[in-house]
């Protein structure tokens, strides 16, 4: 998930912030799809009722063609659990690639990305 540090809704973003969101989202999708066992990264804006922008990224596993389209968040609840060691390694690979391609830094204390 990608979210703003300050409280914004999508319609509240300035043109500059909207452009940054588009570029950052594209970089994240590229890096998620570069993982060897991922076919596609789906991007969703989910979160009604609060002025805090949340962008969700769902990765469709390689060979899971039935997971096409808008039902990906539902499938995410039905699939076998994503092994923690694989999830951690994938998150680190995407975070490292994002720092290289986009900038920012990884916090040593909480392993969150700051861009």
N, C-alpha and C. Protein backbone atom coordinates (compact mmCIF):
# COMPACT_ATOMS: atom_id res chain seq x y z
N UNK A 1 0.84 -1.17 0.00
CA UNK A 1 0.00 0.00 0.00
C UNK A 1 0.89 1.24 0.00
N UNK A 2 0.46 2.23 -0.73
CA UNK A 2 1.12 3.52 -0.77
C UNK A 2 0.12 4.54 -0.23
N UNK A 3 0.55 5.37 0.70
CA UNK A 3 -0.37 6.38 1.23
C UNK A 3 0.39 7.67 1.49
N UNK A 4 -0.35 8.75 1.50
CA UNK A 4 0.25 10.06 1.71
C UNK A 4 0.55 10.27 3.18
N UNK A 5 1.60 11.02 3.45
CA UNK A 5 1.94 11.34 4.85
C UNK A 5 0.92 12.31 5.43
N UNK A 6 0.50 13.25 4.62
CA UNK A 6 -0.52 14.21 5.05
C UNK A 6 -1.87 13.75 4.53
N UNK A 7 -2.93 14.30 5.10
CA UNK A 7 -4.28 13.89 4.72
C UNK A 7 -4.71 14.59 3.43
N UNK A 8 -4.78 13.81 2.37
CA UNK A 8 -5.26 14.26 1.07
C UNK A 8 -6.19 13.18 0.54
N UNK A 9 -7.14 13.62 -0.24
CA UNK A 9 -7.90 12.69 -1.05
C UNK A 9 -7.40 12.91 -2.48
N UNK A 10 -7.70 12.02 -3.38
CA UNK A 10 -7.19 12.11 -4.75
C UNK A 10 -7.52 13.47 -5.37
N UNK A 11 -8.73 13.94 -5.18
CA UNK A 11 -9.15 15.20 -5.79
C UNK A 11 -8.44 16.41 -5.19
N UNK A 12 -7.83 16.26 -4.03
CA UNK A 12 -7.15 17.36 -3.35
C UNK A 12 -5.71 17.56 -3.82
N UNK A 13 -5.17 16.61 -4.56
CA UNK A 13 -3.76 16.69 -4.97
C UNK A 13 -3.56 17.83 -5.96
N UNK A 14 -2.47 18.56 -5.77
CA UNK A 14 -2.09 19.56 -6.77
C UNK A 14 -1.64 18.82 -8.03
N UNK A 15 -1.52 19.52 -9.12
CA UNK A 15 -1.05 18.88 -10.36
C UNK A 15 0.34 18.28 -10.18
N UNK A 16 1.19 18.96 -9.42
CA UNK A 16 2.54 18.45 -9.19
C UNK A 16 2.51 17.16 -8.37
N UNK A 17 1.68 17.14 -7.33
CA UNK A 17 1.57 15.94 -6.50
C UNK A 17 0.94 14.79 -7.29
N UNK A 18 -0.04 15.10 -8.11
CA UNK A 18 -0.67 14.07 -8.93
C UNK A 18 0.34 13.48 -9.92
N UNK A 19 1.16 14.32 -10.49
CA UNK A 19 2.20 13.83 -11.42
C UNK A 19 3.19 12.95 -10.68
N UNK A 20 3.59 13.34 -9.47
CA UNK A 20 4.51 12.53 -8.67
C UNK A 20 3.89 11.19 -8.32
N UNK A 21 2.60 11.19 -7.97
CA UNK A 21 1.90 9.95 -7.66
C UNK A 21 1.90 9.02 -8.87
N UNK A 22 1.66 9.57 -10.05
CA UNK A 22 1.66 8.75 -11.26
C UNK A 22 3.01 8.12 -11.55
N UNK A 23 4.06 8.90 -11.41
CA UNK A 23 5.42 8.38 -11.66
C UNK A 23 5.79 7.34 -10.61
N UNK A 24 5.51 7.64 -9.34
CA UNK A 24 5.84 6.70 -8.27
C UNK A 24 5.06 5.39 -8.42
N UNK A 25 3.78 5.49 -8.75
CA UNK A 25 2.96 4.29 -8.97
C UNK A 25 3.54 3.45 -10.10
N UNK A 26 3.94 4.09 -11.18
CA UNK A 26 4.52 3.37 -12.31
C UNK A 26 5.81 2.66 -11.91
N UNK A 27 6.65 3.31 -11.14
CA UNK A 27 7.88 2.66 -10.68
C UNK A 27 7.57 1.44 -9.81
N UNK A 28 6.62 1.58 -8.90
CA UNK A 28 6.26 0.44 -8.03
C UNK A 28 5.75 -0.72 -8.87
N UNK A 29 4.87 -0.45 -9.83
CA UNK A 29 4.33 -1.51 -10.69
C UNK A 29 5.46 -2.20 -11.46
N UNK A 30 6.38 -1.44 -12.02
CA UNK A 30 7.51 -2.04 -12.75
C UNK A 30 8.29 -3.00 -11.86
N UNK A 31 8.56 -2.57 -10.63
CA UNK A 31 9.39 -3.39 -9.75
C UNK A 31 8.65 -4.62 -9.22
N UNK A 32 7.36 -4.48 -8.96
CA UNK A 32 6.57 -5.64 -8.54
C UNK A 32 6.50 -6.65 -9.68
N UNK A 33 6.24 -6.19 -10.89
CA UNK A 33 6.14 -7.09 -12.04
C UNK A 33 7.49 -7.69 -12.43
N UNK A 34 8.58 -7.12 -11.96
CA UNK A 34 9.91 -7.67 -12.25
C UNK A 34 10.23 -8.87 -11.37
N UNK A 35 9.45 -9.08 -10.31
CA UNK A 35 9.67 -10.26 -9.47
C UNK A 35 9.41 -11.51 -10.31
N UNK A 36 10.23 -12.54 -10.19
CA UNK A 36 10.15 -13.68 -11.11
C UNK A 36 8.85 -14.49 -11.03
N UNK A 37 8.13 -14.42 -9.96
CA UNK A 37 6.92 -15.22 -9.80
C UNK A 37 5.64 -14.38 -9.88
N UNK A 38 5.76 -13.15 -10.42
CA UNK A 38 4.61 -12.24 -10.53
C UNK A 38 4.35 -11.94 -12.01
N UNK A 39 3.08 -12.07 -12.42
CA UNK A 39 2.71 -11.78 -13.79
C UNK A 39 2.27 -10.34 -13.98
N UNK A 40 1.56 -9.81 -12.99
CA UNK A 40 0.93 -8.50 -13.17
C UNK A 40 0.74 -7.84 -11.82
N UNK A 41 0.85 -6.53 -11.80
CA UNK A 41 0.55 -5.75 -10.60
C UNK A 41 -0.72 -4.96 -10.88
N UNK A 42 -1.70 -5.13 -10.03
CA UNK A 42 -2.96 -4.40 -10.12
C UNK A 42 -2.92 -3.23 -9.15
N UNK A 43 -3.45 -2.09 -9.55
CA UNK A 43 -3.42 -0.88 -8.74
C UNK A 43 -4.85 -0.44 -8.46
N UNK A 44 -5.16 -0.20 -7.19
CA UNK A 44 -6.51 0.19 -6.78
C UNK A 44 -6.44 1.39 -5.83
N UNK A 45 -7.43 2.22 -5.95
CA UNK A 45 -7.65 3.27 -4.95
C UNK A 45 -8.87 2.83 -4.17
N UNK A 46 -8.65 2.47 -2.91
CA UNK A 46 -9.72 1.97 -2.06
C UNK A 46 -9.71 2.77 -0.77
N UNK A 47 -10.87 3.08 -0.26
CA UNK A 47 -10.94 3.78 1.02
C UNK A 47 -11.97 4.88 1.00
N UNK A 48 -13.19 4.55 1.23
CA UNK A 48 -14.25 5.55 1.27
C UNK A 48 -14.42 6.08 2.69
N UNK A 49 -14.83 7.34 2.77
CA UNK A 49 -15.19 7.91 4.05
C UNK A 49 -14.08 8.59 4.80
N UNK A 50 -12.88 8.65 4.26
CA UNK A 50 -11.79 9.31 4.96
C UNK A 50 -10.92 10.05 3.96
N UNK A 51 -10.47 11.21 4.35
CA UNK A 51 -9.61 12.00 3.46
C UNK A 51 -8.15 11.60 3.70
N UNK A 52 -7.84 10.39 3.39
CA UNK A 52 -6.45 9.93 3.45
C UNK A 52 -6.26 8.99 2.27
N UNK A 53 -5.41 9.39 1.37
CA UNK A 53 -5.21 8.69 0.11
C UNK A 53 -4.47 7.37 0.33
N UNK A 54 -5.07 6.27 -0.10
CA UNK A 54 -4.46 4.94 -0.04
C UNK A 54 -4.48 4.34 -1.43
N UNK A 55 -3.33 3.93 -1.93
CA UNK A 55 -3.22 3.24 -3.20
C UNK A 55 -2.74 1.82 -2.88
N UNK A 56 -3.51 0.84 -3.32
CA UNK A 56 -3.22 -0.57 -3.03
C UNK A 56 -2.63 -1.22 -4.27
N UNK A 57 -1.63 -2.07 -4.05
CA UNK A 57 -0.99 -2.84 -5.11
C UNK A 57 -1.21 -4.32 -4.81
N UNK A 58 -1.79 -5.02 -5.76
CA UNK A 58 -1.99 -6.47 -5.64
C UNK A 58 -1.19 -7.14 -6.75
N UNK A 59 -0.39 -8.12 -6.40
CA UNK A 59 0.43 -8.83 -7.37
C UNK A 59 -0.26 -10.13 -7.75
N UNK A 60 -0.45 -10.33 -9.06
CA UNK A 60 -1.04 -11.59 -9.53
C UNK A 60 0.09 -12.59 -9.73
N UNK A 61 0.04 -13.73 -9.03
CA UNK A 61 1.10 -14.72 -9.15
C UNK A 61 1.17 -15.30 -10.57
N UNK A 62 2.36 -15.63 -10.98
CA UNK A 62 2.59 -16.29 -12.27
C UNK A 62 1.76 -17.56 -12.32
N UNK A 63 1.10 -17.79 -13.45
CA UNK A 63 0.32 -19.01 -13.64
C UNK A 63 -1.07 -18.98 -13.04
N UNK A 64 -1.49 -17.86 -12.50
CA UNK A 64 -2.82 -17.75 -11.89
C UNK A 64 -3.72 -16.89 -12.80
N UNK A 65 -3.98 -17.37 -14.00
CA UNK A 65 -4.75 -16.60 -14.99
C UNK A 65 -6.17 -16.31 -14.53
N UNK A 66 -6.71 -17.10 -13.63
CA UNK A 66 -8.08 -16.87 -13.17
C UNK A 66 -8.19 -15.61 -12.30
N UNK A 67 -7.06 -15.00 -11.95
CA UNK A 67 -7.08 -13.83 -11.08
C UNK A 67 -7.11 -12.52 -11.85
N UNK A 68 -7.64 -12.52 -13.04
CA UNK A 68 -7.71 -11.30 -13.84
C UNK A 68 -8.73 -10.32 -13.28
N UNK A 69 -8.48 -9.04 -13.50
CA UNK A 69 -9.48 -8.01 -13.33
C UNK A 69 -9.76 -7.56 -11.92
N UNK A 70 -10.94 -6.96 -11.78
CA UNK A 70 -11.29 -6.26 -10.55
C UNK A 70 -11.54 -7.19 -9.37
N UNK A 71 -11.57 -8.48 -9.58
CA UNK A 71 -11.78 -9.42 -8.48
C UNK A 71 -10.48 -9.76 -7.74
N UNK A 72 -9.37 -9.17 -8.15
CA UNK A 72 -8.09 -9.49 -7.51
C UNK A 72 -8.11 -9.29 -5.99
N UNK A 73 -8.69 -8.22 -5.45
CA UNK A 73 -8.72 -8.10 -3.98
C UNK A 73 -9.50 -9.23 -3.31
N UNK A 74 -10.53 -9.74 -3.96
CA UNK A 74 -11.29 -10.87 -3.41
C UNK A 74 -10.43 -12.13 -3.43
N UNK A 75 -9.77 -12.37 -4.57
CA UNK A 75 -8.89 -13.54 -4.66
C UNK A 75 -7.79 -13.48 -3.62
N UNK A 76 -7.31 -12.29 -3.32
CA UNK A 76 -6.23 -12.15 -2.34
C UNK A 76 -6.64 -12.75 -0.99
N UNK A 77 -7.91 -12.67 -0.66
CA UNK A 77 -8.41 -13.26 0.59
C UNK A 77 -8.57 -14.78 0.50
N UNK A 78 -8.67 -15.32 -0.72
CA UNK A 78 -8.96 -16.74 -0.90
C UNK A 78 -7.73 -17.58 -1.20
N UNK A 79 -6.66 -16.94 -1.62
CA UNK A 79 -5.44 -17.67 -1.97
C UNK A 79 -4.74 -18.20 -0.72
N UNK A 80 -3.90 -19.21 -0.88
CA UNK A 80 -3.09 -19.66 0.27
C UNK A 80 -2.25 -18.49 0.80
N UNK A 81 -1.90 -18.55 2.07
CA UNK A 81 -1.13 -17.47 2.69
C UNK A 81 0.21 -17.30 1.99
N UNK A 82 0.58 -16.06 1.80
CA UNK A 82 1.85 -15.67 1.20
C UNK A 82 2.93 -15.93 2.24
N UNK A 83 3.85 -16.87 2.02
CA UNK A 83 4.86 -17.17 3.05
C UNK A 83 5.62 -15.91 3.47
N UNK A 84 5.76 -15.73 4.76
CA UNK A 84 6.36 -14.50 5.30
C UNK A 84 7.77 -14.28 4.77
N UNK A 85 8.57 -15.33 4.65
CA UNK A 85 9.93 -15.15 4.17
C UNK A 85 9.96 -14.69 2.72
N UNK A 86 9.05 -15.20 1.89
CA UNK A 86 8.96 -14.77 0.49
C UNK A 86 8.44 -13.34 0.42
N UNK A 87 7.42 -13.02 1.22
CA UNK A 87 6.86 -11.66 1.24
C UNK A 87 7.92 -10.65 1.67
N UNK A 88 8.69 -10.98 2.69
CA UNK A 88 9.74 -10.08 3.16
C UNK A 88 10.81 -9.88 2.09
N UNK A 89 11.23 -10.95 1.45
CA UNK A 89 12.24 -10.85 0.39
C UNK A 89 11.72 -10.04 -0.79
N UNK A 90 10.46 -10.26 -1.17
CA UNK A 90 9.86 -9.49 -2.27
C UNK A 90 9.78 -8.01 -1.91
N UNK A 91 9.35 -7.70 -0.69
CA UNK A 91 9.24 -6.31 -0.26
C UNK A 91 10.61 -5.63 -0.27
N UNK A 92 11.63 -6.33 0.19
CA UNK A 92 12.98 -5.76 0.18
C UNK A 92 13.47 -5.52 -1.24
N UNK A 93 13.21 -6.47 -2.14
CA UNK A 93 13.64 -6.31 -3.53
C UNK A 93 12.96 -5.11 -4.18
N UNK A 94 11.66 -4.97 -3.95
CA UNK A 94 10.93 -3.84 -4.53
C UNK A 94 11.40 -2.52 -3.91
N UNK A 95 11.59 -2.49 -2.59
CA UNK A 95 12.05 -1.27 -1.92
C UNK A 95 13.44 -0.86 -2.41
N UNK A 96 14.34 -1.81 -2.53
CA UNK A 96 15.70 -1.50 -3.01
C UNK A 96 15.67 -0.99 -4.44
N UNK A 97 14.88 -1.63 -5.30
CA UNK A 97 14.77 -1.20 -6.69
C UNK A 97 14.14 0.19 -6.77
N UNK A 98 13.17 0.47 -5.91
CA UNK A 98 12.52 1.77 -5.91
C UNK A 98 13.48 2.88 -5.48
N UNK A 99 14.29 2.62 -4.47
CA UNK A 99 15.28 3.62 -4.05
C UNK A 99 16.25 3.89 -5.20
N UNK A 100 16.66 2.86 -5.92
CA UNK A 100 17.58 3.03 -7.03
C UNK A 100 16.95 3.79 -8.18
N UNK A 101 15.71 3.46 -8.53
CA UNK A 101 15.09 4.06 -9.71
C UNK A 101 14.41 5.39 -9.45
N UNK A 102 13.89 5.59 -8.24
CA UNK A 102 13.08 6.77 -7.95
C UNK A 102 13.73 7.70 -6.94
N UNK A 103 14.43 7.14 -5.99
CA UNK A 103 15.03 7.94 -4.93
C UNK A 103 14.39 7.62 -3.59
N UNK A 104 14.66 8.45 -2.62
CA UNK A 104 14.14 8.23 -1.28
C UNK A 104 15.13 7.42 -0.47
N UNK A 105 14.65 6.90 0.63
CA UNK A 105 15.52 6.10 1.50
C UNK A 105 14.66 5.11 2.27
N UNK A 106 15.30 4.04 2.69
CA UNK A 106 14.65 3.08 3.59
C UNK A 106 15.07 3.41 4.99
N UNK A 107 14.12 3.53 5.88
CA UNK A 107 14.41 3.81 7.29
C UNK A 107 15.02 2.56 7.92
N UNK A 108 16.09 2.73 8.62
CA UNK A 108 16.76 1.59 9.27
C UNK A 108 15.95 1.05 10.44
N UNK A 109 15.13 1.89 11.04
CA UNK A 109 14.41 1.46 12.23
C UNK A 109 13.10 0.75 11.93
N UNK A 110 12.39 1.18 10.88
CA UNK A 110 11.08 0.58 10.66
C UNK A 110 10.92 -0.06 9.30
N UNK A 111 11.95 -0.08 8.48
CA UNK A 111 11.97 -0.71 7.16
C UNK A 111 10.85 -0.19 6.24
N UNK A 112 10.34 1.01 6.50
CA UNK A 112 9.38 1.63 5.61
C UNK A 112 10.13 2.52 4.62
N UNK A 113 9.52 2.69 3.46
CA UNK A 113 10.08 3.58 2.45
C UNK A 113 9.68 5.01 2.76
N UNK A 114 10.60 5.93 2.54
CA UNK A 114 10.32 7.36 2.64
C UNK A 114 10.79 7.99 1.36
N UNK A 115 9.85 8.57 0.62
CA UNK A 115 10.20 9.24 -0.64
C UNK A 115 9.74 10.68 -0.62
